[in-house]
């Protein structure tokens, strides 16, 4: 009997839910029942600009194997997999390319009842963690990549700009890498409270301290000898945060740019003051590769970190617009601060 499932299609700033035939997986491919799909900042930024063509968004996912194509018996790490196993997957593949699959490709985005991983080269890993943890595998991979690129070492002072989900993932990655002092600059206050629960020693609220010069003095005062941070990670995705963060790096330090995966424009910097005089090293993090994903999932599977605390809301498919709008303005939804919002299909998260 032919099965159907729902999937969200986005064009411009409009969301619609369509009914699609569920494919039988071809050899080497995998069909998942979607449990949770995170609303990513990249999807949000693209939606803010207007999605040019009909697109199935969503690339932060966890799901349960509905069917395996012929020849699929193990995950990326060589562990055996079968129908009913929970898995997470890296979004870099030929169809679910960063979650921006065309609407003509069935279940090529995560805001849906099913996800069809139609690329035999997909990086799929069996997961024992609950879905509220597994859905964060992709964003945590970005945090892991950022900490590795920044070369965070035992005892380092690390400043994270941005108190959103990617900022929190960078905070966690810096902490487990050995950072001795962690400072988060962002807002609103509810997000900073979560940052402190996840390991931040100090926070600076950009809403309470709107002046960039005053924030700089506050943040520098939180670093040893007011010298600045060994590593600054910009995860806010807000243009003025870039030059502001450059002023917070100590001599011979590292600045890691994570927040501007989507082009939101240009901003002026001073090559002498920002780069040459502090002997600064600039690193850019453009997504991640499979080996980053493998590292991230290994940490998440080991337990000991309250990743699930990052999920503030779980919404059904029909409320996906509300999730985007809450993250676009005000960070409030259903009477509480919106942090990481996840969308669930008809199967939901068990």
Protein backbone atom coordinates (compact mmCIF):
# COMPACT_ATOMS: atom_id res chain seq x y z
CA UNK A 1 0.00 0.00 0.00
CA UNK A 2 1.31 3.45 -0.87
CA UNK A 3 2.25 5.49 2.17
CA UNK A 4 2.17 9.25 2.40
CA UNK A 5 3.59 11.75 4.84
CA UNK A 6 3.64 15.47 5.40
CA UNK A 7 6.52 17.86 4.74
CA UNK A 8 6.91 21.62 5.09
CA UNK A 9 7.80 23.58 1.95
CA UNK A 10 9.10 27.13 2.19
CA UNK A 11 9.22 29.77 -0.55
CA UNK A 12 9.78 33.45 0.12
CA UNK A 13 8.67 33.72 3.73
CA UNK A 14 5.68 31.42 3.35
CA UNK A 15 5.37 27.93 4.81
CA UNK A 16 2.99 25.29 3.50
CA UNK A 17 2.48 21.65 4.41
CA UNK A 18 2.16 19.17 1.58
CA UNK A 19 1.38 15.46 1.38
CA UNK A 20 3.98 13.33 -0.40
CA UNK A 21 4.44 9.69 -1.30
CA UNK A 22 6.95 7.97 0.98
CA UNK A 23 9.67 6.39 -1.18
CA UNK A 24 11.02 2.89 -0.78
CA UNK A 25 14.77 3.30 -0.18
CA UNK A 26 17.01 2.47 -3.11
CA UNK A 27 20.13 0.32 -2.57
CA UNK A 28 22.58 2.03 -0.22
CA UNK A 29 20.03 4.54 1.12
CA UNK A 30 18.01 4.97 4.31
CA UNK A 31 14.46 6.12 5.11
CA UNK A 32 13.87 7.63 8.58
CA UNK A 33 10.82 8.46 10.63
CA UNK A 34 11.62 11.99 11.80
CA UNK A 35 11.55 12.51 15.57
CA UNK A 36 12.91 16.04 15.99
CA UNK A 37 14.24 18.73 13.66
CA UNK A 38 15.94 21.82 15.06
CA UNK A 39 15.33 25.29 13.67
CA UNK A 40 18.83 26.40 12.72
CA UNK A 41 20.11 29.96 12.57
CA UNK A 42 21.13 29.35 8.95
CA UNK A 43 17.57 28.44 8.02
CA UNK A 44 16.37 31.48 9.96
CA UNK A 45 18.77 33.88 8.16
CA UNK A 46 17.83 32.48 4.75
CA UNK A 47 14.14 32.78 5.62
CA UNK A 48 14.67 36.39 6.75
CA UNK A 49 16.13 37.16 3.32
CA UNK A 50 13.36 35.22 1.55
CA UNK A 51 13.78 31.68 0.18
CA UNK A 52 14.11 32.09 -3.59
CA UNK A 53 12.69 28.71 -4.65
CA UNK A 54 10.41 26.15 -3.10
CA UNK A 55 12.60 24.41 -0.53
CA UNK A 56 12.36 21.77 2.18
CA UNK A 57 14.35 23.25 5.06
CA UNK A 58 15.67 21.47 8.13
CA UNK A 59 19.06 19.80 8.57
CA UNK A 60 19.40 19.24 12.34
CA UNK A 61 17.67 15.93 12.82
CA UNK A 62 17.29 12.72 14.74
CA UNK A 63 15.11 9.88 13.57
CA UNK A 64 14.32 6.18 13.68
CA UNK A 65 15.10 3.88 10.77
CA UNK A 66 11.91 3.03 8.92
CA UNK A 67 13.57 1.06 6.12
CA UNK A 68 17.07 0.24 4.92
CA UNK A 69 18.01 0.07 1.27
CA UNK A 70 19.72 -3.07 0.03
CA UNK A 71 23.28 -3.40 1.23
CA UNK A 72 22.99 -1.09 4.26
CA UNK A 73 23.93 -3.04 7.38
CA UNK A 74 26.23 -0.72 9.36
CA UNK A 75 26.54 2.93 10.27
CA UNK A 76 29.48 5.22 9.49
CA UNK A 77 31.42 3.82 12.46
CA UNK A 78 30.84 0.22 11.44
CA UNK A 79 28.20 -0.52 14.09
CA UNK A 80 25.34 -2.71 12.93
CA UNK A 81 22.01 -0.95 12.28
CA UNK A 82 18.52 -2.22 11.65
CA UNK A 83 14.96 -0.96 11.37
CA UNK A 84 13.85 0.72 14.60
CA UNK A 85 17.29 2.04 15.53
CA UNK A 86 17.62 5.72 16.35
CA UNK A 87 20.24 7.50 14.24
CA UNK A 88 21.69 10.95 13.71
CA UNK A 89 23.26 12.05 10.45
CA UNK A 90 25.55 14.69 9.04
CA UNK A 91 23.63 16.96 6.63
CA UNK A 92 26.37 17.15 4.01
CA UNK A 93 25.15 14.87 1.23
CA UNK A 94 24.03 15.35 -2.34
CA UNK A 95 20.31 15.66 -1.67
CA UNK A 96 19.90 17.05 1.84
CA UNK A 97 22.64 19.58 1.06
CA UNK A 98 22.72 21.64 4.25
CA UNK A 99 19.01 20.89 4.56
CA UNK A 100 18.10 22.89 1.47
CA UNK A 101 16.65 20.13 -0.66
CA UNK A 102 14.43 21.17 -3.55
CA UNK A 103 10.72 20.71 -2.99
CA UNK A 104 10.56 18.27 -5.90
CA UNK A 105 12.74 15.80 -3.99
CA UNK A 106 10.57 13.85 -1.51
CA UNK A 107 11.47 14.28 2.15
CA UNK A 108 14.76 16.05 1.45
CA UNK A 109 14.38 18.38 4.45
CA UNK A 110 13.92 17.79 8.14
CA UNK A 111 10.60 19.53 8.79
CA UNK A 112 8.63 16.48 7.79
CA UNK A 113 7.26 13.13 8.93
CA UNK A 114 10.03 11.25 7.09
CA UNK A 115 13.57 11.95 5.91
CA UNK A 116 14.98 10.14 2.90
CA UNK A 117 18.78 9.91 3.01
CA UNK A 118 19.10 9.10 -0.67
CA UNK A 119 22.88 9.55 -0.85
CA UNK A 120 24.70 6.25 -0.19
CA UNK A 121 27.66 8.30 1.10
CA UNK A 122 25.64 9.78 3.97
CA UNK A 123 27.29 9.82 7.39
CA UNK A 124 24.78 8.04 9.64
CA UNK A 125 25.55 7.11 13.26
CA UNK A 126 23.45 4.94 15.55
CA UNK A 127 22.50 6.80 18.71
CA UNK A 128 21.53 5.63 22.18
CA UNK A 129 20.89 9.19 23.38
CA UNK A 130 17.32 10.53 23.69
CA UNK A 131 16.01 12.55 20.72
CA UNK A 132 16.24 15.83 22.69
CA UNK A 133 20.00 15.22 22.72
CA UNK A 134 20.39 13.69 19.28
CA UNK A 135 18.74 16.66 17.55
CA UNK A 136 21.69 18.78 18.70
CA UNK A 137 24.33 16.58 17.06
CA UNK A 138 24.75 18.84 14.03
CA UNK A 139 24.96 22.16 15.94
CA UNK A 140 27.32 20.60 18.51
CA UNK A 141 29.49 19.51 15.59
CA UNK A 142 29.89 23.21 14.72
CA UNK A 143 30.96 23.92 18.30
CA UNK A 144 33.49 21.09 18.16
CA UNK A 145 34.87 22.40 14.86
CA UNK A 146 35.14 25.91 16.32
CA UNK A 147 37.02 24.72 19.43
CA UNK A 148 39.39 22.65 17.28
CA UNK A 149 40.06 25.53 14.87
CA UNK A 150 40.63 27.87 17.79
CA UNK A 151 43.05 25.42 19.35
CA UNK A 152 41.45 25.79 22.78
CA UNK A 153 43.89 24.49 25.39
CA UNK A 154 43.80 23.62 29.08
CA UNK A 155 43.48 26.79 31.14
CA UNK A 156 42.60 29.11 28.23
CA UNK A 157 40.28 32.06 28.64
CA UNK A 158 37.56 31.84 25.99
CA UNK A 159 34.98 34.46 25.10
CA UNK A 160 31.91 33.35 23.16
CA UNK A 161 29.93 36.07 21.42
CA UNK A 162 26.33 34.99 21.03
CA UNK A 163 24.09 33.21 23.50
CA UNK A 164 22.09 31.27 20.93
CA UNK A 165 22.30 27.52 20.36
CA UNK A 166 25.55 27.67 18.36
CA UNK A 167 27.08 29.90 21.03
CA UNK A 168 26.08 27.35 23.67
CA UNK A 169 27.52 24.51 21.63
CA UNK A 170 30.79 26.45 21.32
CA UNK A 171 30.72 27.07 25.08
CA UNK A 172 30.35 23.35 25.81
CA UNK A 173 33.05 22.41 23.30
CA UNK A 174 35.47 24.97 24.78
CA UNK A 175 34.74 23.70 28.28
CA UNK A 176 35.47 20.05 27.49
CA UNK A 177 38.59 21.16 25.59
CA UNK A 178 39.99 22.47 28.86
CA UNK A 179 39.16 26.18 28.95
CA UNK A 180 39.75 27.55 32.43
CA UNK A 181 37.62 30.66 32.09
CA UNK A 182 34.50 31.01 29.95
CA UNK A 183 32.75 34.30 29.21
CA UNK A 184 29.57 34.64 27.14
CA UNK A 185 28.38 37.92 25.61
CA UNK A 186 24.77 37.92 24.43
CA UNK A 187 21.15 37.99 25.49
CA UNK A 188 18.39 38.03 26.49
CA UNK A 189 18.81 37.34 30.20
CA UNK A 190 17.14 33.91 30.06
CA UNK A 191 19.69 32.67 27.57
CA UNK A 192 22.56 33.93 29.72
CA UNK A 193 21.13 32.09 32.70
CA UNK A 194 21.29 28.89 30.65
CA UNK A 195 24.87 29.75 29.63
CA UNK A 196 25.87 29.90 33.29
CA UNK A 197 24.21 26.55 33.94
CA UNK A 198 26.21 25.09 31.06
CA UNK A 199 29.54 26.35 32.38
CA UNK A 200 29.98 30.07 31.71
CA UNK A 201 31.83 31.76 34.56
CA UNK A 202 30.82 35.28 33.52
CA UNK A 203 28.23 36.78 31.18
CA UNK A 204 27.65 40.18 29.63
CA UNK A 205 24.06 41.08 28.74
CA UNK A 206 23.98 43.06 25.49
CA UNK A 207 20.49 44.33 26.33
CA UNK A 208 21.52 45.64 29.74
CA UNK A 209 24.79 47.01 28.29
CA UNK A 210 23.96 48.22 24.77
CA UNK A 211 27.12 50.32 24.35
CA UNK A 212 29.89 48.32 22.62
CA UNK A 213 32.72 50.26 24.31
CA UNK A 214 31.24 49.62 27.73
CA UNK A 215 30.80 45.92 26.91
CA UNK A 216 34.41 45.71 25.79
CA UNK A 217 35.65 47.18 29.06
CA UNK A 218 33.43 44.81 31.04
CA UNK A 219 34.56 41.76 29.11
CA UNK A 220 38.25 42.68 29.26
CA UNK A 221 37.88 43.18 33.00
CA UNK A 222 36.76 39.55 33.25
CA UNK A 223 39.99 38.27 31.64
CA UNK A 224 43.27 37.73 33.53
CA UNK A 225 45.22 40.99 33.68
CA UNK A 226 42.60 42.61 31.41
CA UNK A 227 44.69 41.20 28.57
CA UNK A 228 41.81 39.69 26.62
CA UNK A 229 40.91 36.12 25.74
CA UNK A 230 43.16 33.45 24.30
CA UNK A 231 40.30 32.53 21.98
CA UNK A 232 37.26 34.55 20.97
CA UNK A 233 34.48 32.72 19.12
CA UNK A 234 31.98 34.88 17.24
CA UNK A 235 28.72 32.92 17.11
CA UNK A 236 26.21 35.77 17.13
CA UNK A 237 25.85 36.22 13.38
CA UNK A 238 25.47 39.97 13.96
CA UNK A 239 27.79 42.12 11.83
CA UNK A 240 28.94 44.58 14.54
CA UNK A 241 29.96 41.61 16.70
CA UNK A 242 32.87 40.93 14.34
CA UNK A 243 34.98 44.08 14.99
CA UNK A 244 33.80 44.10 18.61
CA UNK A 245 35.15 40.60 19.09
CA UNK A 246 38.47 41.43 17.49
CA UNK A 247 39.03 43.97 20.28
CA UNK A 248 38.68 41.20 22.88
CA UNK A 249 41.50 38.91 21.69
CA UNK A 250 44.76 38.99 23.63
CA UNK A 251 48.14 39.31 21.92
CA UNK A 252 48.96 36.14 19.93
CA UNK A 253 45.36 35.00 20.41
CA UNK A 254 42.84 33.49 18.00
CA UNK A 255 39.55 34.82 16.64
CA UNK A 256 37.16 32.17 15.31
CA UNK A 257 34.32 33.32 13.05
CA UNK A 258 31.33 30.96 13.21
CA UNK A 259 28.22 33.11 13.07
CA UNK A 260 28.15 34.38 9.49
CA UNK A 261 27.42 31.28 7.42
CA UNK A 262 24.87 33.41 5.54
CA UNK A 263 26.06 36.60 3.82
CA UNK A 264 24.45 39.53 5.66
CA UNK A 265 26.76 42.25 4.37
CA UNK A 266 30.12 43.86 5.09
CA UNK A 267 31.61 45.85 7.95
CA UNK A 268 34.76 47.90 8.39
CA UNK A 269 37.77 46.63 10.32
CA UNK A 270 41.25 48.07 10.89
CA UNK A 271 43.99 45.73 9.59
CA UNK A 272 46.68 47.27 11.80
CA UNK A 273 44.75 47.55 15.06
CA UNK A 274 42.68 44.41 14.71
CA UNK A 275 45.14 41.97 13.15
CA UNK A 276 48.77 43.10 12.86
CA UNK A 277 49.34 44.80 16.24
CA UNK A 278 47.88 41.94 18.34
CA UNK A 279 49.54 39.34 16.09
CA UNK A 280 46.08 37.80 15.83
CA UNK A 281 45.16 34.59 14.00
CA UNK A 282 41.79 34.54 12.24
CA UNK A 283 39.97 31.26 11.64
CA UNK A 284 36.73 30.73 9.74
CA UNK A 285 34.40 27.80 10.40
CA UNK A 286 32.25 26.92 7.42
CA UNK A 287 30.08 24.09 8.63
CA UNK A 288 31.81 20.80 9.41
CA UNK A 289 33.07 17.54 7.99
CA UNK A 290 32.31 13.95 8.88
CA UNK A 291 35.24 13.63 11.29
CA UNK A 292 33.92 16.59 13.32
CA UNK A 293 30.52 14.90 13.45
CA UNK A 294 32.00 11.62 14.66
CA UNK A 295 33.81 13.45 17.48
CA UNK A 296 30.70 15.39 18.48
CA UNK A 297 28.43 12.36 18.59
CA UNK A 298 30.99 10.44 20.67
CA UNK A 299 30.88 13.19 23.31
CA UNK A 300 27.09 13.33 23.29
CA UNK A 301 26.78 9.57 23.62
CA UNK A 302 29.14 9.53 26.61
CA UNK A 303 26.68 11.49 28.77
CA UNK A 304 27.51 13.90 31.56
CA UNK A 305 26.43 17.08 29.73
CA UNK A 306 22.85 18.36 29.92
CA UNK A 307 22.39 18.97 26.20
CA UNK A 308 18.62 18.55 26.49
CA UNK A 309 18.44 21.74 28.59
CA UNK A 310 19.10 23.66 25.38
CA UNK A 311 15.72 22.63 23.91
CA UNK A 312 13.16 25.22 25.00
CA UNK A 313 10.23 24.28 22.74
CA UNK A 314 8.99 21.31 20.73
CA UNK A 315 6.38 22.22 18.12
CA UNK A 316 4.26 20.23 15.65
CA UNK A 317 4.85 20.82 11.94
CA UNK A 318 1.89 23.17 11.66
CA UNK A 319 3.55 25.60 14.12
CA UNK A 320 6.86 25.88 12.31
CA UNK A 321 6.12 29.50 11.32
CA UNK A 322 5.62 30.43 14.99
CA UNK A 323 9.03 28.99 15.75
CA UNK A 324 10.72 31.05 13.04
CA UNK A 325 8.88 34.21 14.06
CA UNK A 326 9.82 33.80 17.72
CA UNK A 327 13.51 33.53 16.81
CA UNK A 328 13.16 36.44 14.40
CA UNK A 329 11.84 38.86 17.03
CA UNK A 330 11.58 38.86 20.78
CA UNK A 331 12.76 35.33 21.56
CA UNK A 332 9.47 34.56 23.32
CA UNK A 333 7.05 31.74 22.57
CA UNK A 334 4.20 30.37 24.67
CA UNK A 335 5.17 32.66 27.52
CA UNK A 336 8.81 31.65 27.90
CA UNK A 337 12.20 32.47 26.37
CA UNK A 338 12.81 30.72 23.07
CA UNK A 339 16.21 29.12 22.86
CA UNK A 340 16.47 26.03 20.69
CA UNK A 341 13.15 25.25 19.01
CA UNK A 342 12.59 21.78 17.58
CA UNK A 343 9.84 20.64 15.24
CA UNK A 344 8.38 17.14 15.35
CA UNK A 345 6.60 15.12 12.73
CA UNK A 346 3.62 12.88 13.32
CA UNK A 347 5.83 10.30 15.04
CA UNK A 348 7.23 12.80 17.53
CA UNK A 349 9.99 12.26 20.06
CA UNK A 350 9.65 9.36 22.44
